[in-house]
Amino acid sequence: MEPVAYRVSDFCRIYVISRASFYREVQAGRLHILKRGRRSLVERAEAERWFGSLRHCPAQRKEDGQQTVGERL
């Protein structure tokens, strides 16, 4: 059964982003959270909307041929 909302730690683990990146997305208005007491939650539908809105950057390679971070994601 899918959860209705994710805690910050669960969201970050599922979408493989840091807590700092999570809060940058919230601060920029690209991700909306709910507050329940001291706890921040992200509704599943909002998480899916946010993920779908991410731009897919073309893969770039460094001069040494290694993949860049965007290419590994």
N, C-alpha and C. Protein backbone atom coordinates (compact mmCIF):
# COMPACT_ATOMS: atom_id res chain seq x y z
N MET A 1 0.84 -1.19 0.00
CA MET A 1 0.00 0.00 0.00
C MET A 1 0.89 1.25 0.00
N GLU A 2 0.60 2.14 -0.92
CA GLU A 2 1.38 3.38 -1.05
C GLU A 2 0.97 4.37 0.05
N PRO A 3 1.94 5.07 0.63
CA PRO A 3 1.60 6.07 1.63
C PRO A 3 0.91 7.28 0.98
N VAL A 4 0.12 7.98 1.75
CA VAL A 4 -0.56 9.18 1.27
C VAL A 4 0.42 10.35 1.25
N ALA A 5 1.37 10.35 2.18
CA ALA A 5 2.36 11.42 2.28
C ALA A 5 3.68 10.84 2.78
N TYR A 6 4.77 11.52 2.44
CA TYR A 6 6.11 11.10 2.84
C TYR A 6 6.68 12.07 3.87
N ARG A 7 7.40 11.52 4.84
CA ARG A 7 8.21 12.36 5.72
C ARG A 7 9.41 12.85 4.91
N VAL A 8 10.05 13.89 5.37
CA VAL A 8 11.20 14.44 4.64
C VAL A 8 12.27 13.36 4.44
N SER A 9 12.57 12.60 5.46
CA SER A 9 13.61 11.58 5.34
C SER A 9 13.24 10.51 4.30
N ASP A 10 11.96 10.12 4.27
CA ASP A 10 11.52 9.13 3.29
C ASP A 10 11.55 9.70 1.87
N PHE A 11 11.09 10.94 1.72
CA PHE A 11 11.11 11.60 0.42
C PHE A 11 12.54 11.66 -0.12
N CYS A 12 13.47 12.09 0.72
CA CYS A 12 14.86 12.22 0.31
C CYS A 12 15.47 10.86 -0.08
N ARG A 13 15.12 9.83 0.65
CA ARG A 13 15.62 8.50 0.34
C ARG A 13 15.03 7.99 -0.98
N ILE A 14 13.75 8.15 -1.18
CA ILE A 14 13.08 7.66 -2.39
C ILE A 14 13.56 8.40 -3.63
N TYR A 15 13.68 9.72 -3.54
CA TYR A 15 14.06 10.53 -4.71
C TYR A 15 15.56 10.84 -4.76
N VAL A 16 16.31 10.28 -3.85
CA VAL A 16 17.78 10.36 -3.81
C VAL A 16 18.26 11.81 -3.90
N ILE A 17 17.78 12.61 -2.97
CA ILE A 17 18.27 13.99 -2.85
C ILE A 17 18.63 14.24 -1.39
N SER A 18 19.47 15.21 -1.16
CA SER A 18 19.86 15.55 0.21
C SER A 18 18.76 16.38 0.87
N ARG A 19 18.82 16.46 2.19
CA ARG A 19 17.86 17.30 2.91
C ARG A 19 18.04 18.76 2.50
N ALA A 20 19.29 19.17 2.28
CA ALA A 20 19.54 20.55 1.86
C ALA A 20 18.87 20.82 0.51
N SER A 21 18.99 19.89 -0.43
CA SER A 21 18.34 20.04 -1.74
C SER A 21 16.82 20.07 -1.58
N PHE A 22 16.31 19.22 -0.70
CA PHE A 22 14.87 19.19 -0.44
C PHE A 22 14.39 20.58 0.01
N TYR A 23 15.06 21.14 0.99
CA TYR A 23 14.63 22.44 1.51
C TYR A 23 14.88 23.58 0.52
N ARG A 24 15.87 23.44 -0.37
CA ARG A 24 16.05 24.43 -1.44
C ARG A 24 14.87 24.39 -2.40
N GLU A 25 14.39 23.19 -2.72
CA GLU A 25 13.23 23.05 -3.60
C GLU A 25 11.99 23.67 -2.95
N VAL A 26 11.82 23.45 -1.66
CA VAL A 26 10.69 24.04 -0.93
C VAL A 26 10.81 25.56 -0.93
N GLN A 27 11.99 26.07 -0.60
CA GLN A 27 12.22 27.52 -0.54
C GLN A 27 11.97 28.18 -1.88
N ALA A 28 12.33 27.49 -2.97
CA ALA A 28 12.15 28.03 -4.32
C ALA A 28 10.70 27.92 -4.79
N GLY A 29 9.87 27.22 -4.02
CA GLY A 29 8.46 27.08 -4.39
C GLY A 29 8.19 25.98 -5.39
N ARG A 30 9.20 25.15 -5.67
CA ARG A 30 9.02 24.05 -6.63
C ARG A 30 8.45 22.80 -5.99
N LEU A 31 8.46 22.73 -4.66
CA LEU A 31 7.94 21.59 -3.93
C LEU A 31 7.14 22.12 -2.74
N HIS A 32 5.92 21.62 -2.58
CA HIS A 32 5.05 22.12 -1.52
C HIS A 32 4.92 21.07 -0.42
N ILE A 33 4.99 21.55 0.81
CA ILE A 33 4.92 20.66 1.96
C ILE A 33 3.70 20.99 2.81
N LEU A 34 3.32 20.03 3.63
CA LEU A 34 2.29 20.22 4.65
C LEU A 34 2.98 20.17 6.00
N LYS A 35 2.52 20.94 6.93
CA LYS A 35 3.06 20.89 8.29
C LYS A 35 2.02 20.26 9.20
N ARG A 36 2.44 19.28 9.95
CA ARG A 36 1.61 18.65 10.98
C ARG A 36 2.41 18.74 12.26
N GLY A 37 2.10 19.75 13.06
CA GLY A 37 2.92 20.02 14.24
C GLY A 37 4.30 20.44 13.76
N ARG A 38 5.33 19.76 14.23
CA ARG A 38 6.70 20.07 13.82
C ARG A 38 7.13 19.28 12.59
N ARG A 39 6.31 18.33 12.17
CA ARG A 39 6.67 17.44 11.07
C ARG A 39 6.28 18.02 9.72
N SER A 40 7.18 17.93 8.75
CA SER A 40 6.90 18.34 7.38
C SER A 40 6.58 17.09 6.58
N LEU A 41 5.54 17.18 5.76
CA LEU A 41 5.12 16.05 4.92
C LEU A 41 4.97 16.50 3.49
N VAL A 42 5.21 15.59 2.57
CA VAL A 42 4.97 15.83 1.15
C VAL A 42 3.93 14.82 0.70
N GLU A 43 2.81 15.30 0.20
CA GLU A 43 1.79 14.39 -0.31
C GLU A 43 2.34 13.63 -1.51
N ARG A 44 1.94 12.37 -1.66
CA ARG A 44 2.44 11.54 -2.75
C ARG A 44 2.17 12.20 -4.10
N ALA A 45 0.98 12.74 -4.31
CA ALA A 45 0.67 13.39 -5.58
C ALA A 45 1.60 14.57 -5.85
N GLU A 46 1.95 15.33 -4.80
CA GLU A 46 2.88 16.45 -4.95
C GLU A 46 4.28 15.95 -5.28
N ALA A 47 4.69 14.85 -4.65
CA ALA A 47 6.01 14.27 -4.93
C ALA A 47 6.09 13.83 -6.40
N GLU A 48 5.03 13.20 -6.88
CA GLU A 48 5.01 12.74 -8.28
C GLU A 48 4.99 13.92 -9.24
N ARG A 49 4.24 14.98 -8.89
CA ARG A 49 4.22 16.19 -9.73
C ARG A 49 5.60 16.81 -9.81
N TRP A 50 6.25 16.93 -8.63
CA TRP A 50 7.59 17.53 -8.57
C TRP A 50 8.57 16.72 -9.42
N PHE A 51 8.55 15.40 -9.26
CA PHE A 51 9.47 14.56 -10.00
C PHE A 51 9.23 14.67 -11.50
N GLY A 52 7.99 14.70 -11.91
CA GLY A 52 7.66 14.84 -13.33
C GLY A 52 8.05 16.17 -13.92
N SER A 53 8.19 17.18 -13.08
CA SER A 53 8.53 18.52 -13.56
C SER A 53 10.04 18.72 -13.75
N LEU A 54 10.84 17.77 -13.29
CA LEU A 54 12.28 17.92 -13.42
C LEU A 54 12.68 17.86 -14.88
N ARG A 55 13.58 18.73 -15.25
CA ARG A 55 14.09 18.73 -16.62
C ARG A 55 15.12 17.63 -16.76
N HIS A 56 15.08 16.99 -17.90
CA HIS A 56 16.09 15.97 -18.18
C HIS A 56 17.21 16.63 -18.95
N CYS A 57 18.33 16.79 -18.28
CA CYS A 57 19.49 17.44 -18.88
C CYS A 57 20.20 16.47 -19.80
N PRO A 58 20.68 16.94 -20.93
CA PRO A 58 21.45 16.04 -21.80
C PRO A 58 22.73 15.60 -21.10
N ALA A 59 23.10 14.38 -21.34
CA ALA A 59 24.30 13.83 -20.71
C ALA A 59 25.53 14.59 -21.19
N GLN A 60 26.43 14.84 -20.28
CA GLN A 60 27.69 15.50 -20.61
C GLN A 60 28.82 14.65 -20.06
N ARG A 61 29.92 14.65 -20.75
CA ARG A 61 31.08 13.90 -20.28
C ARG A 61 32.21 14.87 -19.98
N LYS A 62 32.96 14.53 -18.95
CA LYS A 62 34.14 15.30 -18.61
C LYS A 62 35.22 14.97 -19.64
N GLU A 63 36.28 15.74 -19.64
CA GLU A 63 37.37 15.50 -20.57
C GLU A 63 37.98 14.12 -20.42
N ASP A 64 37.96 13.57 -19.19
CA ASP A 64 38.55 12.25 -18.97
C ASP A 64 37.60 11.12 -19.33
N GLY A 65 36.39 11.45 -19.84
CA GLY A 65 35.44 10.44 -20.28
C GLY A 65 34.50 9.93 -19.20
N GLN A 66 34.67 10.40 -17.96
CA GLN A 66 33.79 9.95 -16.89
C GLN A 66 32.43 10.65 -16.99
N GLN A 67 31.41 9.97 -16.49
CA GLN A 67 30.08 10.53 -16.50
C GLN A 67 29.98 11.67 -15.50
N THR A 68 29.13 12.65 -15.83
CA THR A 68 28.84 13.70 -14.87
C THR A 68 27.70 13.24 -13.98
N VAL A 69 27.43 13.98 -12.93
CA VAL A 69 26.37 13.61 -11.98
C VAL A 69 25.03 13.49 -12.71
N GLY A 70 24.68 14.45 -13.55
CA GLY A 70 23.41 14.42 -14.27
C GLY A 70 23.25 13.19 -15.14
N GLU A 71 24.34 12.66 -15.63
CA GLU A 71 24.29 11.49 -16.49
C GLU A 71 24.02 10.23 -15.68
N ARG A 72 24.48 10.19 -14.43
CA ARG A 72 24.27 9.01 -13.62
C ARG A 72 22.85 8.93 -13.08
N LEU A 73 22.17 10.08 -12.95
CA LEU A 73 20.81 10.09 -12.42
C LEU A 73 19.91 9.58 -13.45
